[in-house]
C-alpha atoms as a PDB file:
ATOM      1  CA  UNK A   1       3.401   2.498  18.469  1.00  0.00           C
ATOM      2  CA  UNK A   2       2.049   2.787  14.909  1.00  0.00           C
ATOM      3  CA  UNK A   3      -1.436   3.669  16.218  1.00  0.00           C
ATOM      4  CA  UNK A   4      -0.006   6.373  18.499  1.00  0.00           C
ATOM      5  CA  UNK A   5       1.959   7.844  15.589  1.00  0.00           C
ATOM      6  CA  UNK A   6      -1.159   7.807  13.405  1.00  0.00           C
ATOM      7  CA  UNK A   7      -3.162   9.648  16.057  1.00  0.00           C
ATOM      8  CA  UNK A   8      -0.395  12.248  16.317  1.00  0.00           C
ATOM      9  CA  UNK A   9      -0.475  12.717  12.538  1.00  0.00           C
ATOM     10  CA  UNK A  10      -4.242  13.078  12.678  1.00  0.00           C
ATOM     11  CA  UNK A  11      -4.118  15.791  15.319  1.00  0.00           C
ATOM     12  CA  UNK A  12      -1.259  17.559  13.520  1.00  0.00           C
ATOM     13  CA  UNK A  13      -3.067  17.506  10.167  1.00  0.00           C
ATOM     14  CA  UNK A  14      -6.223  18.939  11.651  1.00  0.00           C
ATOM     15  CA  UNK A  15      -4.281  21.629  13.519  1.00  0.00           C
ATOM     16  CA  UNK A  16      -2.307  22.666  10.462  1.00  0.00           C
ATOM     17  CA  UNK A  17      -5.422  22.854   8.304  1.00  0.00           C
ATOM     18  CA  UNK A  18      -7.425  25.048  10.678  1.00  0.00           C
ATOM     19  CA  UNK A  19      -6.376  28.549   9.464  1.00  0.00           C
ATOM     20  CA  UNK A  20      -6.902  27.729   5.782  1.00  0.00           C
ATOM     21  CA  UNK A  21     -10.102  25.802   6.396  1.00  0.00           C
ATOM     22  CA  UNK A  22     -11.660  28.047   9.031  1.00  0.00           C
ATOM     23  CA  UNK A  23     -14.790  28.526   6.914  1.00  0.00           C
ATOM     24  CA  UNK A  24     -15.019  24.833   5.959  1.00  0.00           C
ATOM     25  CA  UNK A  25     -16.597  21.866   7.702  1.00  0.00           C
ATOM     26  CA  UNK A  26     -14.035  19.083   8.129  1.00  0.00           C
ATOM     27  CA  UNK A  27     -14.741  15.363   7.745  1.00  0.00           C
ATOM     28  CA  UNK A  28     -11.948  13.206   9.169  1.00  0.00           C
ATOM     29  CA  UNK A  29     -11.505   9.724   7.700  1.00  0.00           C
ATOM     30  CA  UNK A  30      -9.221   6.834   8.654  1.00  0.00           C
ATOM     31  CA  UNK A  31      -9.106   3.068   8.580  1.00  0.00           C
ATOM     32  CA  UNK A  32      -7.485   0.031   7.070  1.00  0.00           C
ATOM     33  CA  UNK A  33      -4.866   0.651   4.401  1.00  0.00           C
ATOM     34  CA  UNK A  34      -7.094  -0.909   1.737  1.00  0.00           C
ATOM     35  CA  UNK A  35      -9.408   2.092   2.071  1.00  0.00           C
ATOM     36  CA  UNK A  36      -6.849   4.922   1.965  1.00  0.00           C
ATOM     37  CA  UNK A  37      -6.481   5.308  -1.795  1.00  0.00           C
ATOM     38  CA  UNK A  38     -10.162   5.108  -2.665  1.00  0.00           C
ATOM     39  CA  UNK A  39     -11.054   7.521   0.143  1.00  0.00           C
ATOM     40  CA  UNK A  40      -8.660  10.070  -1.297  1.00  0.00           C
ATOM     41  CA  UNK A  41     -10.162   9.633  -4.775  1.00  0.00           C
ATOM     42  CA  UNK A  42     -13.749   9.872  -3.495  1.00  0.00           C
ATOM     43  CA  UNK A  43     -12.831  12.742  -1.186  1.00  0.00           C
ATOM     44  CA  UNK A  44     -11.339  14.766  -4.051  1.00  0.00           C
ATOM     45  CA  UNK A  45     -14.451  14.218  -6.171  1.00  0.00           C
ATOM     46  CA  UNK A  46     -16.780  15.112  -3.310  1.00  0.00           C
ATOM     47  CA  UNK A  47     -14.842  18.241  -2.336  1.00  0.00           C
ATOM     48  CA  UNK A  48     -14.895  19.568  -5.910  1.00  0.00           C
ATOM     49  CA  UNK A  49     -18.699  19.619  -5.809  1.00  0.00           C
ATOM     50  CA  UNK A  50     -18.938  20.632  -2.147  1.00  0.00           C
ATOM     51  CA  UNK A  51     -16.394  23.433  -1.617  1.00  0.00           C
ATOM     52  CA  UNK A  52     -17.652  24.042   1.919  1.00  0.00           C
ATOM     53  CA  UNK A  53     -16.471  20.577   3.019  1.00  0.00           C
ATOM     54  CA  UNK A  54     -12.852  19.611   3.678  1.00  0.00           C
ATOM     55  CA  UNK A  55     -12.094  15.864   3.798  1.00  0.00           C
ATOM     56  CA  UNK A  56      -8.959  14.837   5.674  1.00  0.00           C
ATOM     57  CA  UNK A  57      -7.828  11.242   5.019  1.00  0.00           C
ATOM     58  CA  UNK A  58      -5.354  10.018   7.647  1.00  0.00           C
ATOM     59  CA  UNK A  59      -3.211   7.120   6.368  1.00  0.00           C
ATOM     60  CA  UNK A  60      -1.662   4.349   8.408  1.00  0.00           C
ATOM     61  CA  UNK A  61      -4.196   4.177  11.234  1.00  0.00           C
ATOM     62  CA  UNK A  62      -5.260   0.562  10.785  1.00  0.00           C
ATOM     63  CA  UNK A  63      -8.384  -1.014  12.235  1.00  0.00           C
ATOM     64  CA  UNK A  64      -7.523  -0.717  15.921  1.00  0.00           C
ATOM     65  CA  UNK A  65      -6.227   2.846  15.735  1.00  0.00           C
ATOM     66  CA  UNK A  66      -9.075   4.157  13.600  1.00  0.00           C
ATOM     67  CA  UNK A  67     -11.785   2.633  15.813  1.00  0.00           C
ATOM     68  CA  UNK A  68     -10.110   4.073  18.918  1.00  0.00           C
ATOM     69  CA  UNK A  69      -9.976   7.491  17.241  1.00  0.00           C
ATOM     70  CA  UNK A  70     -13.606   7.202  16.149  1.00  0.00           C
ATOM     71  CA  UNK A  71     -14.758   6.332  19.672  1.00  0.00           C
ATOM     72  CA  UNK A  72     -12.711   9.260  21.035  1.00  0.00           C
ATOM     73  CA  UNK A  73     -14.307  11.714  18.602  1.00  0.00           C
ATOM     74  CA  UNK A  74     -11.081  12.243  16.633  1.00  0.00           C
ATOM     75  CA  UNK A  75     -12.470  10.638  13.455  1.00  0.00           C
ATOM     76  CA  UNK A  76     -15.837  10.951  11.756  1.00  0.00           C
ATOM     77  CA  UNK A  77     -15.680   7.737   9.714  1.00  0.00           C
ATOM     78  CA  UNK A  78     -13.504   4.637  10.065  1.00  0.00           C
ATOM     79  CA  UNK A  79     -13.280   2.053   7.274  1.00  0.00           C
ATOM     80  CA  UNK A  80     -12.737  -1.416   8.692  1.00  0.00           C
ATOM     81  CA  UNK A  81     -12.478  -4.836   6.962  1.00  0.00           C
ATOM     82  CA  UNK A  82     -14.953  -6.589   9.255  1.00  0.00           C
ATOM     83  CA  UNK A  83     -18.516  -6.160  10.564  1.00  0.00           C
ATOM     84  CA  UNK A  84     -19.501  -4.442  13.801  1.00  0.00           C
ATOM     85  CA  UNK A  85     -18.956  -6.386  17.032  1.00  0.00           C
ATOM     86  CA  UNK A  86     -21.626  -6.518  19.742  1.00  0.00           C
ATOM     87  CA  UNK A  87     -19.476  -4.717  22.303  1.00  0.00           C
ATOM     88  CA  UNK A  88     -18.819  -1.934  19.784  1.00  0.00           C
ATOM     89  CA  UNK A  89     -22.517  -1.336  19.256  1.00  0.00           C
ATOM     90  CA  UNK A  90     -22.996  -0.993  23.010  1.00  0.00           C
ATOM     91  CA  UNK A  91     -20.359   1.784  22.906  1.00  0.00           C
ATOM     92  CA  UNK A  92     -22.393   3.743  20.384  1.00  0.00           C
ATOM     93  CA  UNK A  93     -20.670   2.651  17.169  1.00  0.00           C
ATOM     94  CA  UNK A  94     -22.579   1.636  14.042  1.00  0.00           C
ATOM     95  CA  UNK A  95     -21.432   0.078  10.768  1.00  0.00           C
ATOM     96  CA  UNK A  96     -22.784  -0.496   7.287  1.00  0.00           C
ATOM     97  CA  UNK A  97     -21.280  -2.413   4.387  1.00  0.00           C
ATOM     98  CA  UNK A  98     -19.421   0.062   2.202  1.00  0.00           C
ATOM     99  CA  UNK A  99     -17.815  -1.852  -0.664  1.00  0.00           C
ATOM    100  CA  UNK A 100     -16.132  -5.098  -1.715  1.00  0.00           C
ATOM    101  CA  UNK A 101     -12.926  -5.548  -3.678  1.00  0.00           C
ATOM    102  CA  UNK A 102     -11.135  -8.685  -4.893  1.00  0.00           C
ATOM    103  CA  UNK A 103      -8.615 -10.061  -2.402  1.00  0.00           C
ATOM    104  CA  UNK A 104      -5.620 -10.945  -4.546  1.00  0.00           C
ATOM    105  CA  UNK A 105      -2.139 -12.384  -4.760  1.00  0.00           C
ATOM    106  CA  UNK A 106       0.011  -9.576  -6.157  1.00  0.00           C
ATOM    107  CA  UNK A 107       3.408  -9.247  -7.821  1.00  0.00           C
ATOM    108  CA  UNK A 108       5.239  -6.509  -9.724  1.00  0.00           C
ATOM    109  CA  UNK A 109       3.569  -5.485 -12.971  1.00  0.00           C
ATOM    110  CA  UNK A 110       6.550  -6.624 -15.060  1.00  0.00           C
ATOM    111  CA  UNK A 111       6.763 -10.061 -13.407  1.00  0.00           C
ATOM    112  CA  UNK A 112       6.648 -12.844 -16.044  1.00  0.00           C
ATOM    113  CA  UNK A 113       4.059 -14.875 -14.104  1.00  0.00           C
ATOM    114  CA  UNK A 114       0.389 -13.905 -14.487  1.00  0.00           C
ATOM    115  CA  UNK A 115      -1.317 -16.887 -12.859  1.00  0.00           C
ATOM    116  CA  UNK A 116      -0.856 -19.193  -9.902  1.00  0.00           C
ATOM    117  CA  UNK A 117      -2.525 -22.327  -8.567  1.00  0.00           C
ATOM    118  CA  UNK A 118      -3.549 -22.864  -4.955  1.00  0.00           C
ATOM    119  CA  UNK A 119      -1.084 -25.754  -4.778  1.00  0.00           C
ATOM    120  CA  UNK A 120       1.717 -23.452  -5.932  1.00  0.00           C
ATOM    121  CA  UNK A 121       0.672 -20.775  -3.453  1.00  0.00           C
ATOM    122  CA  UNK A 122       0.748 -23.256  -0.566  1.00  0.00           C
ATOM    123  CA  UNK A 123       4.163 -24.513  -1.706  1.00  0.00           C
ATOM    124  CA  UNK A 124       5.604 -20.982  -1.916  1.00  0.00           C
ATOM    125  CA  UNK A 125       4.561 -20.274   1.677  1.00  0.00           C
ATOM    126  CA  UNK A 126       5.618 -23.667   3.033  1.00  0.00           C
ATOM    127  CA  UNK A 127       9.010 -24.075   1.347  1.00  0.00           C
ATOM    128  CA  UNK A 128      12.134 -22.516   2.917  1.00  0.00           C
ATOM    129  CA  UNK A 129      13.533 -21.346  -0.460  1.00  0.00           C
ATOM    130  CA  UNK A 130      10.778 -21.496  -3.094  1.00  0.00           C
ATOM    131  CA  UNK A 131      11.419 -20.601  -6.727  1.00  0.00           C
ATOM    132  CA  UNK A 132       9.298 -19.361  -9.607  1.00  0.00           C
ATOM    133  CA  UNK A 133       8.968 -21.568 -12.720  1.00  0.00           C
ATOM    134  CA  UNK A 134      11.955 -19.772 -14.290  1.00  0.00           C
ATOM    135  CA  UNK A 135      14.131 -20.565 -11.264  1.00  0.00           C
ATOM    136  CA  UNK A 136      14.093 -17.064  -9.737  1.00  0.00           C
ATOM    137  CA  UNK A 137      13.645 -16.817  -5.978  1.00  0.00           C
ATOM    138  CA  UNK A 138      10.126 -16.314  -4.620  1.00  0.00           C
ATOM    139  CA  UNK A 139      10.179 -13.721  -1.837  1.00  0.00           C
ATOM    140  CA  UNK A 140       6.997 -14.160   0.183  1.00  0.00           C
ATOM    141  CA  UNK A 141       5.930 -10.984   1.992  1.00  0.00           C
ATOM    142  CA  UNK A 142       3.987 -11.899   5.128  1.00  0.00           C
ATOM    143  CA  UNK A 143       1.453  -9.904   7.098  1.00  0.00           C
ATOM    144  CA  UNK A 144       1.343 -10.127  10.922  1.00  0.00           C
ATOM    145  CA  UNK A 145      -0.323 -13.305  12.194  1.00  0.00           C
ATOM    146  CA  UNK A 146      -3.293 -11.408  13.636  1.00  0.00           C
ATOM    147  CA  UNK A 147      -3.813  -9.249  10.534  1.00  0.00           C
ATOM    148  CA  UNK A 148      -7.096  -9.640   8.647  1.00  0.00           C
ATOM    149  CA  UNK A 149      -5.220 -10.435   5.433  1.00  0.00           C
ATOM    150  CA  UNK A 150      -3.486 -13.360   7.146  1.00  0.00           C
ATOM    151  CA  UNK A 151      -6.873 -14.611   8.312  1.00  0.00           C
ATOM    152  CA  UNK A 152      -8.322 -14.323   4.793  1.00  0.00           C
ATOM    153  CA  UNK A 153      -5.358 -16.144   3.315  1.00  0.00           C
ATOM    154  CA  UNK A 154      -5.670 -18.982   5.834  1.00  0.00           C
ATOM    155  CA  UNK A 155      -9.391 -19.276   5.065  1.00  0.00           C
ATOM    156  CA  UNK A 156      -8.746 -20.132   1.401  1.00  0.00           C
ATOM    157  CA  UNK A 157      -7.868 -23.760   2.160  1.00  0.00           C
ATOM    158  CA  UNK A 158      -6.527 -25.989   4.950  1.00  0.00           C
ATOM    159  CA  UNK A 159      -3.319 -26.532   2.955  1.00  0.00           C
ATOM    160  CA  UNK A 160      -2.701 -22.806   2.663  1.00  0.00           C
ATOM    161  CA  UNK A 161      -3.551 -22.281   6.338  1.00  0.00           C
ATOM    162  CA  UNK A 162      -0.917 -24.866   7.293  1.00  0.00           C
ATOM    163  CA  UNK A 163       1.621 -23.315   4.897  1.00  0.00           C
ATOM    164  CA  UNK A 164       1.043 -19.813   6.294  1.00  0.00           C
ATOM    165  CA  UNK A 165       1.512 -21.116   9.833  1.00  0.00           C
ATOM    166  CA  UNK A 166       4.778 -22.753   8.746  1.00  0.00           C
ATOM    167  CA  UNK A 167       5.991 -19.525   7.191  1.00  0.00           C
ATOM    168  CA  UNK A 168       5.127 -17.587  10.353  1.00  0.00           C
ATOM    169  CA  UNK A 169       7.568 -19.779  12.298  1.00  0.00           C
ATOM    170  CA  UNK A 170      10.414 -19.415   9.802  1.00  0.00           C
ATOM    171  CA  UNK A 171      13.185 -16.954  10.755  1.00  0.00           C
ATOM    172  CA  UNK A 172      14.041 -14.175   8.341  1.00  0.00           C
ATOM    173  CA  UNK A 173      10.628 -13.820   6.680  1.00  0.00           C
ATOM    174  CA  UNK A 174       9.682 -10.372   5.344  1.00  0.00           C
ATOM    175  CA  UNK A 175       6.743  -9.020   7.362  1.00  0.00           C
ATOM    176  CA  UNK A 176       4.830  -5.919   6.234  1.00  0.00           C
ATOM    177  CA  UNK A 177       2.863  -4.064   8.909  1.00  0.00           C
ATOM    178  CA  UNK A 178       0.332  -2.345   6.599  1.00  0.00           C
ATOM    179  CA  UNK A 179      -1.185  -2.614   3.137  1.00  0.00           C
ATOM    180  CA  UNK A 180       0.938   0.295   1.928  1.00  0.00           C
ATOM    181  CA  UNK A 181       4.085  -1.310   3.380  1.00  0.00           C
ATOM    182  CA  UNK A 182       3.193  -4.490   1.492  1.00  0.00           C
ATOM    183  CA  UNK A 183       2.789  -2.629  -1.802  1.00  0.00           C
ATOM    184  CA  UNK A 184       6.066  -0.755  -1.288  1.00  0.00           C
ATOM    185  CA  UNK A 185       7.978  -3.983  -0.623  1.00  0.00           C
ATOM    186  CA  UNK A 186       6.429  -5.698  -3.651  1.00  0.00           C
ATOM    187  CA  UNK A 187       7.513  -2.808  -5.859  1.00  0.00           C
ATOM    188  CA  UNK A 188      11.152  -2.822  -4.771  1.00  0.00           C
ATOM    189  CA  UNK A 189      11.814  -6.537  -4.112  1.00  0.00           C
ATOM    190  CA  UNK A 190      12.589  -8.829  -7.067  1.00  0.00           C
ATOM    191  CA  UNK A 191      10.401 -11.943  -7.097  1.00  0.00           C
ATOM    192  CA  UNK A 192       8.173 -10.732  -4.248  1.00  0.00           C
ATOM    193  CA  UNK A 193       4.630 -12.050  -3.754  1.00  0.00           C
ATOM    194  CA  UNK A 194       1.982 -11.125  -1.216  1.00  0.00           C
ATOM    195  CA  UNK A 195      -1.688 -10.494  -0.514  1.00  0.00           C
ATOM    196  CA  UNK A 196      -3.310  -7.174  -1.425  1.00  0.00           C
ATOM    197  CA  UNK A 197      -6.584  -5.945  -2.897  1.00  0.00           C
ATOM    198  CA  UNK A 198      -7.377  -5.028  -6.473  1.00  0.00           C
ATOM    199  CA  UNK A 199      -8.891  -1.795  -5.144  1.00  0.00           C
ATOM    200  CA  UNK A 200      -5.633  -0.660  -3.552  1.00  0.00           C
ATOM    201  CA  UNK A 201      -3.634  -1.430  -6.705  1.00  0.00           C
ATOM    202  CA  UNK A 202      -6.023   0.589  -8.893  1.00  0.00           C
ATOM    203  CA  UNK A 203      -6.840   3.460  -6.519  1.00  0.00           C
ATOM    204  CA  UNK A 204      -3.181   4.075  -5.673  1.00  0.00           C
ATOM    205  CA  UNK A 205      -2.002   3.425  -9.251  1.00  0.00           C
ATOM    206  CA  UNK A 206       0.554   0.926  -8.051  1.00  0.00           C
ATOM    207  CA  UNK A 207       2.844  -0.743 -10.663  1.00  0.00           C
ATOM    208  CA  UNK A 208       1.587  -4.147  -9.505  1.00  0.00           C
ATOM    209  CA  UNK A 209      -0.669  -6.851 -10.921  1.00  0.00           C
ATOM    210  CA  UNK A 210      -3.060  -9.383  -9.433  1.00  0.00           C
ATOM    211  CA  UNK A 211      -2.486 -13.016 -10.399  1.00  0.00           C
ATOM    212  CA  UNK A 212      -5.227 -15.297 -11.669  1.00  0.00           C
ATOM    213  CA  UNK A 213      -5.814 -18.085  -9.119  1.00  0.00           C
ATOM    214  CA  UNK A 214      -6.587 -21.549 -10.473  1.00  0.00           C
ATOM    215  CA  UNK A 215      -7.585 -19.905 -13.749  1.00  0.00           C
ATOM    216  CA  UNK A 216      -9.871 -17.363 -12.071  1.00  0.00           C
ATOM    217  CA  UNK A 217      -8.858 -13.833 -12.965  1.00  0.00           C
ATOM    218  CA  UNK A 218      -9.655 -11.216 -10.277  1.00  0.00           C
ATOM    219  CA  UNK A 219     -12.050  -8.612 -11.669  1.00  0.00           C
ATOM    220  CA  UNK A 220     -15.236  -6.875 -10.600  1.00  0.00           C
ATOM    221  CA  UNK A 221     -17.270  -8.883 -13.113  1.00  0.00           C
ATOM    222  CA  UNK A 222     -15.865 -12.120 -11.712  1.00  0.00           C
ATOM    223  CA  UNK A 223     -16.505 -10.960  -8.150  1.00  0.00           C
ATOM    224  CA  UNK A 224     -20.105 -10.035  -9.004  1.00  0.00           C
ATOM    225  CA  UNK A 225     -20.770 -13.361 -10.708  1.00  0.00           C
ATOM    226  CA  UNK A 226     -19.125 -15.356  -7.939  1.00  0.00           C
ATOM    227  CA  UNK A 227     -16.574 -16.933 -10.281  1.00  0.00           C
ATOM    228  CA  UNK A 228     -13.812 -15.200  -8.308  1.00  0.00           C
ATOM    229  CA  UNK A 229     -14.567 -16.101  -4.681  1.00  0.00           C
ATOM    230  CA  UNK A 230     -11.934 -14.138  -2.735  1.00  0.00           C
ATOM    231  CA  UNK A 231     -12.916 -10.681  -1.493  1.00  0.00           C
ATOM    232  CA  UNK A 232     -12.308  -8.090   1.183  1.00  0.00           C
ATOM    233  CA  UNK A 233     -15.379  -6.214   2.406  1.00  0.00           C
ATOM    234  CA  UNK A 234     -15.000  -2.738   3.896  1.00  0.00           C
ATOM    235  CA  UNK A 235     -17.482  -1.441   6.455  1.00  0.00           C
ATOM    236  CA  UNK A 236     -18.063   2.235   7.202  1.00  0.00           C
ATOM    237  CA  UNK A 237     -18.066   2.750  10.980  1.00  0.00           C
ATOM    238  CA  UNK A 238     -19.632   5.840  12.512  1.00  0.00           C
ATOM    239  CA  UNK A 239     -20.248   7.003  16.065  1.00  0.00           C
ATOM    240  CA  UNK A 240     -23.192   8.626  17.794  1.00  0.00           C
ATOM    241  CA  UNK A 241     -21.553  12.011  17.307  1.00  0.00           C
ATOM    242  CA  UNK A 242     -20.870  11.602  13.593  1.00  0.00           C
ATOM    243  CA  UNK A 243     -22.149  14.774  11.928  1.00  0.00           C
ATOM    244  CA  UNK A 244     -24.284  15.384   8.843  1.00  0.00           C
ATOM    245  CA  UNK A 245     -21.323  16.277   6.602  1.00  0.00           C
ATOM    246  CA  UNK A 246     -19.822  12.817   7.092  1.00  0.00           C
ATOM    247  CA  UNK A 247     -23.173  11.172   6.428  1.00  0.00           C
ATOM    248  CA  UNK A 248     -23.575  13.203   3.241  1.00  0.00           C
ATOM    249  CA  UNK A 249     -20.160  11.989   2.100  1.00  0.00           C
ATOM    250  CA  UNK A 250     -21.223   8.366   2.629  1.00  0.00           C
ATOM    251  CA  UNK A 251     -24.422   9.048   0.706  1.00  0.00           C
ATOM    252  CA  UNK A 252     -22.357  10.511  -2.142  1.00  0.00           C
ATOM    253  CA  UNK A 253     -20.133   7.422  -2.199  1.00  0.00           C
ATOM    254  CA  UNK A 254     -23.198   5.255  -2.889  1.00  0.00           C
ATOM    255  CA  UNK A 255     -24.785   7.660  -5.371  1.00  0.00           C
ATOM    256  CA  UNK A 256     -24.569   6.972  -9.115  1.00  0.00           C
ATOM    257  CA  UNK A 257     -21.479   9.190  -9.352  1.00  0.00           C
ATOM    258  CA  UNK A 258     -19.857   7.611  -6.309  1.00  0.00           C
ATOM    259  CA  UNK A 259     -20.479   4.007  -7.319  1.00  0.00           C
ATOM    260  CA  UNK A 260     -19.036   4.761 -10.768  1.00  0.00           C
ATOM    261  CA  UNK A 261     -15.848   6.003  -9.089  1.00  0.00           C
ATOM    262  CA  UNK A 262     -15.779   2.920  -6.881  1.00  0.00           C
ATOM    263  CA  UNK A 263     -16.097   0.586  -9.864  1.00  0.00           C
ATOM    264  CA  UNK A 264     -13.433   2.437 -11.826  1.00  0.00           C
ATOM    265  CA  UNK A 265     -11.028   1.800  -8.948  1.00  0.00           C
ATOM    266  CA  UNK A 266     -11.825  -1.838  -8.240  1.00  0.00           C
ATOM    267  CA  UNK A 267     -14.629  -1.608  -5.656  1.00  0.00           C
ATOM    268  CA  UNK A 268     -18.237  -2.821  -5.729  1.00  0.00           C
ATOM    269  CA  UNK A 269     -20.832  -0.911  -3.718  1.00  0.00           C
ATOM    270  CA  UNK A 270     -23.529  -3.018  -2.018  1.00  0.00           C
ATOM    271  CA  UNK A 271     -26.572  -3.856  -4.109  1.00  0.00           C
ATOM    272  CA  UNK A 272     -29.566  -1.573  -3.541  1.00  0.00           C
ATOM    273  CA  UNK A 273     -31.756  -2.808  -0.727  1.00  0.00           C
ATOM    274  CA  UNK A 274     -29.085  -5.069   0.741  1.00  0.00           C
END
């Protein structure tokens, strides 16, 4: 249902923009929620220097919806948190690594805790009524079992994988469908904790913070050096019919100006030649 609604919003946005943008070439962008904020920032910067191009960023499409829209010619670029699959390449899709951002455990900015251990994280997911060190209730915000964030969280350790599976079976858990839903719930729920990305927090200017994990603080420098090992990689998917305007936007994103914007908002572009 969410993918159908997102496609409707996409078609409505394009239709509404046609009279005002009749003389402009439109690039339509969608994808995972982790990409929405940075695409809007990059799109604004690109459009200022390329007034003949209109970038339309469609939020809330997710991986499945954006790839379906891309294959149907309704999107020009889809940003997805995984590499290209073989069956997708046979359908004319292509993908390149776009950027990495730290995968983090997030809480409200004013939360008294700034660090967490993996043992604590596993305990918070596994326990029916976990509490923070000060005795306040921990409210774990889950993602759907099949979501890529759930898979990344499970991959951190066998203990955390088992704890996440326990939490999935527990009635009454808070489940957020999208990255933006997760951030919204974290902002309004006392004691809430969940997975997000540093890039989303910075690009969307969310009043949230990323916790250090076992003494490892999430930052771009730590991600580059390998001292912070948890990351989400975004891939830019295109189709055979993707036009030159969309390709120029991707080239801008990896130019000196584009990579500076990415870094400022918590994303690392691939190293040259990779």
